[in-house]
Amino acid sequence: MSALVLLNSAQIARHNAGSLGVLCTKAQYSTDAPRALKTTNLAAMKRGTGGRSSFNGMVATVFGSTGFMGRYVCNKLGKIGTQMILPYRSDHYDAIRLKVAGDLGQVLFQFFHLEDEESIRKAVRHSNVVINLVGRDWETNNFNFTDLHVNGARRLAKVCREMGVERFIHVSALNASAAPEPLVLKEGSKFLKSKYYGELAVRDEFPDATIFRPADIYGQEDRFIRYYSHTWRKHLAGIPLWHKGEKTIKQPVFCSDVAQGIVNAARDPETAGKIYQAVGPRRYYLSELVDWFNRVMRKETKLFSYGRYDLRWDPSFMLKAKLTEVICPSFKVGELHPERVEREHVTDVVLPSIPTLEDLDVTLTKMEDQIPWELRPYRAAQYYDAELDEFEKPAPPKYIEATTRV
């Protein structure tokens, strides 16, 4: 009976072969012995049809993948078929969520420690691209800024050079300087100072490294817009800002744009040895941004009167920041600490001689298109089911064209 059905199917397929019929009457089974690979170079192997299940020839090790920017970089790398090795030093549950960035076998994990060169070698020995996203906004009992941003970056670059890694991408910070201008703190920002010397250390060990200097990055679970939305940032029913935020200019950038720029640089060999400024398309006064955030969160009513006032005349707020740093050495309440207060009032300086993300073919996202979505969970009376058009649409902030670089 089975043979009769197959015979009839073959006749029908042969009859329709002129249109869409397909005849498959005999399976071909090879009895040849296994063939040896012509080459063991991963970049020369079959790449597939594209997407997370394919392989584009790039094996990337992403240090700092468990952080804020790590998830966006890993997602974009996996989306184009990159095999990823993700080193981690914390609990494995902090890294396991990145498993879905690529298909089965595309994402591998490797335990490492920043001061253990052997563990770093194991993490980069199969990679042709290494991305350094390691960094902290405050010093801890285990790592200070020099250990992390200077010595750690130097060690990663040194090991990558010794292991023959083709590309090394290092993420620094905008406004990095050997002598940052002091505002709130007498010695200035130690974070920006360490980032500057970190760039020098990377250049010394890996001259062809690509360096990114991002401004304040906003996005899901960031430390910029959520810093200002947190209750702990408020003080005495107001928001203390240096000169009320009217002398500080910021050019925030969307996290997805920074990640896309890093991926584009990793794929383009012409970016080796260059520096890129990762900034947004528009510049804003800090006062405009904070007022706009409050309007979006519906916190300009009589119940939520969070007006701005001059930080210079309120020493109690800095005392609050210092106490937060002492009481919470590892995880700051509301991300508040003196170093953060100092750095938030530094004006973003964008040099016209250094390329930006637009030079990497990145279409920049405007804050006006993204912030309402990001701040929606932080609106006042979130439980209230508002009627359509019951609340006026918040007025957007005034901005300065980004083409006007200082």
Protein backbone atom coordinates (compact mmCIF):
# COMPACT_ATOMS: atom_id res chain seq x y z
CA MET A 1 0.00 0.00 0.00
CA SER A 2 2.84 2.39 0.90
CA ALA A 3 4.61 1.64 -2.38
CA LEU A 4 1.41 2.43 -4.30
CA VAL A 5 1.03 5.79 -2.56
CA LEU A 6 4.65 6.72 -3.31
CA LEU A 7 4.24 5.69 -6.94
CA ASN A 8 1.11 7.82 -7.35
CA SER A 9 2.84 10.76 -5.67
CA ALA A 10 5.80 10.44 -8.04
CA GLN A 11 3.50 10.37 -11.08
CA ILE A 12 1.60 13.47 -9.87
CA ALA A 13 4.84 15.31 -9.22
CA ARG A 14 6.21 14.36 -12.64
CA HIS A 15 2.96 15.58 -14.23
CA ASN A 16 3.27 18.97 -12.50
CA ALA A 17 7.01 19.34 -13.01
CA GLY A 18 6.40 22.00 -15.63
CA SER A 19 4.84 24.32 -13.03
CA LEU A 20 5.62 24.01 -9.32
CA GLY A 21 5.96 20.26 -9.01
CA VAL A 22 9.09 18.92 -7.33
CA LEU A 23 10.10 15.29 -7.72
CA CYS A 24 12.19 13.62 -5.07
CA THR A 25 12.19 9.87 -5.58
CA LYS A 26 15.53 8.89 -4.17
CA ALA A 27 17.46 10.03 -1.14
CA GLN A 28 21.16 10.47 -1.63
CA TYR A 29 23.26 9.06 1.21
CA SER A 30 27.00 9.65 1.16
CA THR A 31 29.30 6.84 2.22
CA ASP A 32 32.47 8.92 1.93
CA ALA A 33 34.81 9.23 4.91
CA PRO A 34 34.76 12.50 6.90
CA ARG A 35 36.61 15.22 5.04
CA ALA A 36 39.29 17.30 6.77
CA LEU A 37 38.70 21.01 7.04
CA LYS A 38 40.66 23.13 4.58
CA THR A 39 41.30 25.71 7.27
CA THR A 40 40.64 26.16 10.97
CA ASN A 41 40.23 29.92 10.62
CA LEU A 42 36.75 30.67 11.94
CA ALA A 43 36.41 33.72 9.70
CA ALA A 44 36.75 31.50 6.61
CA MET A 45 34.02 29.04 7.57
CA LYS A 46 30.47 29.03 6.25
CA ARG A 47 28.57 32.02 7.55
CA GLY A 48 24.95 31.05 7.06
CA THR A 49 22.10 33.19 5.82
CA GLY A 50 22.29 36.00 8.37
CA GLY A 51 20.72 36.67 11.75
CA ARG A 52 21.34 35.25 15.20
CA SER A 53 21.66 31.67 13.93
CA SER A 54 24.42 32.51 11.44
CA PHE A 55 28.08 33.38 11.85
CA ASN A 56 29.51 36.56 10.37
CA GLY A 57 33.16 35.68 10.98
CA MET A 58 33.55 37.85 14.07
CA VAL A 59 34.27 36.38 17.50
CA ALA A 60 33.93 39.11 20.12
CA THR A 61 34.84 39.11 23.81
CA VAL A 62 32.84 41.75 25.68
CA PHE A 63 34.25 42.74 29.05
CA GLY A 64 31.63 44.46 31.18
CA SER A 65 28.78 42.72 29.36
CA THR A 66 26.71 42.44 32.56
CA GLY A 67 26.54 46.22 32.92
CA PHE A 68 24.11 48.79 31.56
CA MET A 69 25.66 49.14 28.09
CA GLY A 70 26.64 45.48 27.86
CA ARG A 71 23.17 44.15 27.14
CA TYR A 72 22.67 46.54 24.20
CA VAL A 73 26.07 45.82 22.67
CA CYS A 74 25.60 42.05 23.03
CA ASN A 75 22.12 42.19 21.53
CA LYS A 76 23.32 44.05 18.45
CA LEU A 77 26.35 41.79 18.07
CA GLY A 78 24.19 38.67 18.28
CA LYS A 79 21.67 40.10 15.84
CA ILE A 80 24.25 40.13 13.05
CA GLY A 81 25.60 36.64 13.77
CA THR A 82 28.55 37.35 16.04
CA GLN A 83 29.88 34.64 18.32
CA MET A 84 30.35 36.14 21.78
CA ILE A 85 32.49 35.26 24.76
CA LEU A 86 31.19 37.08 27.82
CA PRO A 87 33.54 37.21 30.83
CA TYR A 88 31.97 37.85 34.23
CA ARG A 89 33.14 38.04 37.84
CA SER A 90 29.82 38.22 39.68
CA ASP A 91 27.07 35.68 40.19
CA HIS A 92 26.35 33.79 36.98
CA TYR A 93 22.69 34.80 37.17
CA ASP A 94 23.77 38.35 36.31
CA ALA A 95 25.20 37.10 33.02
CA ILE A 96 22.86 34.25 32.07
CA ARG A 97 20.18 36.62 30.77
CA LEU A 98 22.54 37.42 27.88
CA LYS A 99 22.29 33.81 26.67
CA VAL A 100 19.36 34.70 24.41
CA ALA A 101 21.41 37.34 22.56
CA GLY A 102 22.47 34.60 20.14
CA ASP A 103 21.37 31.16 19.04
CA LEU A 104 22.55 27.91 20.65
CA GLY A 105 26.35 27.85 20.77
CA GLN A 106 26.77 31.51 19.82
CA VAL A 107 27.08 32.87 23.38
CA LEU A 108 29.69 31.48 25.76
CA PHE A 109 30.56 32.57 29.30
CA GLN A 110 33.96 32.71 30.97
CA PHE A 111 34.70 33.52 34.60
CA PHE A 112 37.49 36.07 35.01
CA HIS A 113 39.04 38.61 37.36
CA LEU A 114 40.42 41.93 36.21
CA GLU A 115 43.69 41.39 38.08
CA ASP A 116 44.19 37.81 36.81
CA GLU A 117 45.93 37.90 33.43
CA GLU A 118 45.56 34.16 32.88
CA SER A 119 41.77 34.36 33.10
CA ILE A 120 41.83 37.28 30.64
CA ARG A 121 43.92 35.25 28.21
CA LYS A 122 41.40 32.42 28.32
CA ALA A 123 38.63 34.88 27.52
CA VAL A 124 40.33 36.46 24.46
CA ARG A 125 42.38 33.62 22.94
CA HIS A 126 39.72 32.76 20.32
CA SER A 127 38.54 36.32 19.62
CA ASN A 128 39.41 38.74 16.87
CA VAL A 129 37.52 41.62 18.51
CA VAL A 130 37.60 42.65 22.19
CA ILE A 131 35.32 45.36 23.63
CA ASN A 132 36.06 46.91 27.01
CA LEU A 133 32.94 48.23 28.75
CA VAL A 134 34.33 47.83 32.28
CA GLY A 135 33.76 50.88 34.46
CA ARG A 136 32.16 52.21 37.63
CA ASP A 137 30.62 55.54 38.56
CA TRP A 138 32.02 55.37 42.09
CA GLU A 139 34.92 53.78 43.92
CA THR A 140 34.42 50.66 46.03
CA ASN A 141 36.40 48.84 48.70
CA ASN A 142 37.72 46.42 46.06
CA PHE A 143 38.42 48.78 43.14
CA ASN A 144 39.16 52.48 42.99
CA PHE A 145 39.08 54.51 39.77
CA THR A 146 42.77 53.96 39.04
CA ASP A 147 42.54 50.19 39.52
CA LEU A 148 39.55 49.98 37.20
CA HIS A 149 39.89 52.65 34.53
CA VAL A 150 43.69 52.82 34.24
CA ASN A 151 45.40 49.63 35.44
CA GLY A 152 42.53 47.38 34.42
CA ALA A 153 42.24 48.91 30.95
CA ARG A 154 46.02 48.67 30.49
CA ARG A 155 45.99 45.01 31.49
CA LEU A 156 43.20 44.16 29.04
CA ALA A 157 44.92 45.98 26.17
CA LYS A 158 48.28 44.39 26.98
CA VAL A 159 46.90 40.84 27.05
CA CYS A 160 44.94 41.41 23.83
CA ARG A 161 48.08 42.61 22.05
CA GLU A 162 50.06 39.60 23.29
CA MET A 163 47.30 37.19 22.19
CA GLY A 164 47.14 38.65 18.69
CA VAL A 165 43.66 40.20 18.91
CA GLU A 166 42.94 42.18 15.76
CA ARG A 167 40.65 44.90 17.15
CA PHE A 168 40.39 46.42 20.64
CA ILE A 169 37.55 48.85 21.39
CA HIS A 170 37.73 50.86 24.60
CA VAL A 171 34.90 52.95 26.06
CA SER A 172 36.13 56.05 27.88
CA ALA A 173 34.10 59.18 28.73
CA LEU A 174 33.41 62.58 27.24
CA ASN A 175 35.17 65.45 29.04
CA ALA A 176 37.99 63.14 30.14
CA SER A 177 40.84 65.39 31.21
CA ALA A 178 44.14 65.27 33.08
CA ALA A 179 43.01 68.21 35.22
CA PRO A 180 39.19 68.55 35.25
CA GLU A 181 37.93 71.97 36.29
CA PRO A 182 36.69 71.72 39.89
CA LEU A 183 33.12 72.80 40.57
CA VAL A 184 31.59 71.18 43.65
CA LEU A 185 34.67 69.22 44.74
CA LYS A 186 37.98 70.97 45.29
CA GLU A 187 40.01 68.38 43.36
CA GLY A 188 37.52 68.03 40.52
CA SER A 189 36.20 64.76 39.09
CA LYS A 190 38.45 61.80 39.80
CA PHE A 191 36.30 59.75 37.41
CA LEU A 192 37.10 61.98 34.42
CA LYS A 193 40.76 62.14 35.39
CA SER A 194 41.05 58.34 35.57
CA LYS A 195 39.29 57.99 32.21
CA TYR A 196 41.87 60.29 30.63
CA TYR A 197 44.82 58.29 31.92
CA GLY A 198 42.97 55.10 30.98
CA GLU A 199 42.98 56.24 27.35
CA LEU A 200 46.73 56.86 27.53
CA ALA A 201 47.29 53.41 29.03
CA VAL A 202 45.27 51.71 26.28
CA ARG A 203 47.09 53.66 23.56
CA ASP A 204 50.43 52.71 25.11
CA GLU A 205 49.63 48.98 25.05
CA PHE A 206 47.41 48.78 21.95
CA PRO A 207 48.15 51.71 19.56
CA ASP A 208 45.43 50.70 17.07
CA ALA A 209 42.66 50.65 19.70
CA THR A 210 39.38 52.40 18.87
CA ILE A 211 38.23 54.69 21.69
CA PHE A 212 34.69 55.92 22.33
CA ARG A 213 33.96 58.94 24.49
CA PRO A 214 30.25 58.86 25.38
CA ALA A 215 28.34 61.67 27.03
CA ASP A 216 25.63 60.88 29.61
CA ILE A 217 23.87 57.77 28.30
CA TYR A 218 20.13 57.34 28.83
CA GLY A 219 17.92 54.29 28.31
CA GLN A 220 16.34 51.43 30.23
CA GLU A 221 17.78 51.25 33.78
CA ASP A 222 20.25 54.06 33.12
CA ARG A 223 21.91 56.35 35.66
CA PHE A 224 20.98 59.64 34.06
CA ILE A 225 17.25 60.25 33.79
CA ARG A 226 16.54 57.84 36.64
CA TYR A 227 19.04 59.74 38.75
CA TYR A 228 16.89 62.85 38.50
CA SER A 229 13.64 60.93 38.89
CA HIS A 230 14.71 59.35 42.18
CA THR A 231 13.31 60.83 45.39
CA TRP A 232 16.75 60.84 47.03
CA ARG A 233 18.00 63.40 44.47
CA LYS A 234 15.38 65.85 45.76
CA HIS A 235 16.21 67.92 48.82
CA LEU A 236 14.10 70.30 50.90
CA ALA A 237 11.19 69.98 48.45
CA GLY A 238 13.45 71.06 45.59
CA ILE A 239 16.31 70.01 43.29
CA PRO A 240 19.67 71.62 44.09
CA LEU A 241 21.76 72.31 40.97
CA TRP A 242 24.98 74.23 40.49
CA HIS A 243 23.90 77.78 39.46
CA LYS A 244 20.39 76.27 39.17
CA GLY A 245 21.64 74.26 36.18
CA GLU A 246 21.67 77.37 34.00
CA LYS A 247 25.41 77.25 33.30
CA THR A 248 25.70 73.54 32.48
CA ILE A 249 25.13 72.22 28.96
CA LYS A 250 24.53 68.53 28.31
CA GLN A 251 24.35 66.48 25.12
CA PRO A 252 22.93 63.10 26.24
CA VAL A 253 23.01 60.12 23.89
CA PHE A 254 20.67 57.14 23.59
CA CYS A 255 22.13 53.78 24.66
CA SER A 256 21.10 52.00 21.47
CA ASP A 257 22.94 54.60 19.37
CA VAL A 258 26.16 54.07 21.32
CA ALA A 259 25.85 50.30 20.96
CA GLN A 260 25.27 50.63 17.21
CA GLY A 261 28.33 52.83 16.89
CA ILE A 262 30.49 50.26 18.71
CA VAL A 263 29.22 47.45 16.47
CA ASN A 264 29.79 49.50 13.31
CA ALA A 265 33.32 50.30 14.43
CA ALA A 266 34.05 46.64 15.14
CA ARG A 267 33.01 45.73 11.59
CA ASP A 268 34.97 48.50 9.90
CA PRO A 269 38.77 48.08 9.92
CA GLU A 270 39.16 51.74 8.92
CA THR A 271 38.15 52.78 12.45
CA ALA A 272 41.27 51.27 14.03
CA GLY A 273 43.28 53.81 15.99
CA LYS A 274 40.54 56.47 15.93
CA ILE A 275 38.59 58.27 18.65
CA TYR A 276 34.83 58.84 18.43
CA GLN A 277 32.64 61.15 20.49
CA ALA A 278 29.35 59.46 21.33
CA VAL A 279 26.96 62.36 21.78
CA GLY A 280 23.32 63.03 20.99
CA PRO A 281 21.95 65.23 18.19
CA ARG A 282 21.02 68.18 20.46
CA ARG A 283 22.50 70.16 23.35
CA TYR A 284 20.41 71.26 26.33
CA TYR A 285 20.89 73.35 29.44
CA LEU A 286 20.66 71.12 32.49
CA SER A 287 17.95 73.37 33.88
CA GLU A 288 15.81 72.73 30.78
CA LEU A 289 16.27 68.98 31.04
CA VAL A 290 15.36 68.78 34.74
CA ASP A 291 12.27 70.97 34.28
CA TRP A 292 11.23 68.86 31.31
CA PHE A 293 11.66 65.62 33.24
CA ASN A 294 9.36 66.97 35.95
CA ARG A 295 6.75 67.97 33.39
CA VAL A 296 6.82 64.50 31.84
CA MET A 297 6.50 62.91 35.29
CA ARG A 298 3.63 65.31 36.15
CA LYS A 299 5.48 66.59 39.19
CA GLU A 300 4.93 70.30 38.75
CA THR A 301 1.70 70.44 40.71
CA LYS A 302 1.24 71.89 44.18
CA LEU A 303 1.62 68.43 45.67
CA PHE A 304 4.94 67.86 43.91
CA SER A 305 6.66 71.22 43.94
CA TYR A 306 10.21 70.29 42.91
CA GLY A 307 11.65 73.63 41.90
CA ARG A 308 15.34 74.18 41.18
CA TYR A 309 17.58 76.17 43.50
CA ASP A 310 21.28 76.99 43.67
CA LEU A 311 23.38 74.19 45.13
CA ARG A 312 26.10 76.63 46.21
CA TRP A 313 23.96 77.97 49.06
CA ASP A 314 22.93 74.60 50.48
CA PRO A 315 25.82 72.71 52.16
CA SER A 316 23.35 70.28 53.71
CA PHE A 317 22.80 68.55 50.36
CA MET A 318 26.51 67.77 49.95
CA LEU A 319 26.52 66.47 53.51
CA LYS A 320 23.65 64.18 52.50
CA ALA A 321 25.65 62.96 49.48
CA LYS A 322 28.74 62.26 51.61
CA LEU A 323 26.71 60.37 54.22
CA THR A 324 25.16 58.27 51.45
CA GLU A 325 28.65 57.40 50.20
CA VAL A 326 29.80 56.35 53.68
CA ILE A 327 26.69 54.41 54.68
CA CYS A 328 26.28 52.71 51.29
CA PRO A 329 29.82 51.98 50.00
CA SER A 330 28.79 49.48 47.33
CA PHE A 331 25.36 50.57 46.09
CA LYS A 332 24.46 54.23 46.46
CA VAL A 333 20.87 55.14 47.23
CA GLY A 334 19.53 56.91 44.17
CA GLU A 335 23.05 56.83 42.62
CA LEU A 336 23.82 59.85 44.82
CA HIS A 337 27.43 60.52 45.88
CA PRO A 338 29.78 63.55 45.73
CA GLU A 339 31.56 62.38 42.57
CA ARG A 340 28.23 62.13 40.73
CA VAL A 341 27.19 65.61 41.88
CA GLU A 342 30.50 66.99 40.60
CA ARG A 343 30.32 65.26 37.25
CA GLU A 344 26.69 66.11 36.50
CA HIS A 345 27.56 69.82 36.41
CA VAL A 346 30.43 69.50 33.91
CA THR A 347 29.52 70.99 30.54
CA ASP A 348 29.87 68.58 27.62
CA VAL A 349 32.66 69.76 25.32
CA VAL A 350 32.44 68.34 21.79
CA LEU A 351 35.56 68.92 19.69
CA PRO A 352 34.92 69.54 15.97
CA SER A 353 38.17 67.79 15.04
CA ILE A 354 37.05 64.42 16.46
CA PRO A 355 34.42 62.33 14.62
CA THR A 356 31.09 61.41 16.20
CA LEU A 357 28.59 58.56 15.88
CA GLU A 358 27.20 60.12 12.72
CA ASP A 359 30.55 59.40 11.06
CA LEU A 360 29.85 55.73 11.80
CA ASP A 361 26.51 55.91 9.92
CA VAL A 362 24.45 55.93 13.12
CA THR A 363 21.06 57.65 12.94
CA LEU A 364 20.84 59.51 16.25
CA THR A 365 17.72 59.34 18.42
CA LYS A 366 16.20 62.58 19.68
CA MET A 367 15.47 62.79 23.40
CA GLU A 368 12.00 64.19 22.68
CA ASP A 369 11.08 60.91 20.98
CA GLN A 370 12.36 58.63 23.74
CA ILE A 371 12.10 60.33 27.15
CA PRO A 372 8.27 60.14 27.50
CA TRP A 373 8.51 56.38 27.20
CA GLU A 374 11.46 56.08 29.57
CA LEU A 375 9.86 58.24 32.28
CA ARG A 376 6.35 56.85 32.01
CA PRO A 377 6.80 54.44 34.98
CA TYR A 378 7.87 57.39 37.17
CA ARG A 379 4.85 59.61 36.65
CA ALA A 380 3.04 60.92 39.71
CA ALA A 381 -0.16 59.05 40.62
CA GLN A 382 0.77 56.24 38.27
CA TYR A 383 -2.19 54.21 39.52
CA TYR A 384 -4.61 56.86 38.24
CA ASP A 385 -6.40 55.89 35.01
CA ALA A 386 -6.39 59.17 33.12
CA GLU A 387 -8.92 59.99 30.45
CA LEU A 388 -7.80 60.71 26.92
CA ASP A 389 -6.31 64.22 26.68
CA GLU A 390 -7.01 64.83 30.37
CA PHE A 391 -3.41 66.01 30.82
CA GLU A 392 -1.74 68.47 28.51
CA LYS A 393 1.20 67.22 26.52
CA PRO A 394 4.39 68.40 28.26
CA ALA A 395 6.18 71.18 26.45
CA PRO A 396 9.51 69.97 25.02
CA PRO A 397 12.77 71.52 26.28
CA LYS A 398 14.59 74.27 24.47
CA TYR A 399 17.74 73.03 22.82
CA ILE A 400 20.90 74.21 21.12
CA GLU A 401 21.77 72.85 17.71
CA ALA A 402 24.54 70.26 18.06
CA THR A 403 26.31 71.72 15.04
CA THR A 404 27.36 74.56 17.32
CA ARG A 405 30.34 72.82 18.92
CA VAL A 406 32.46 74.42 21.62
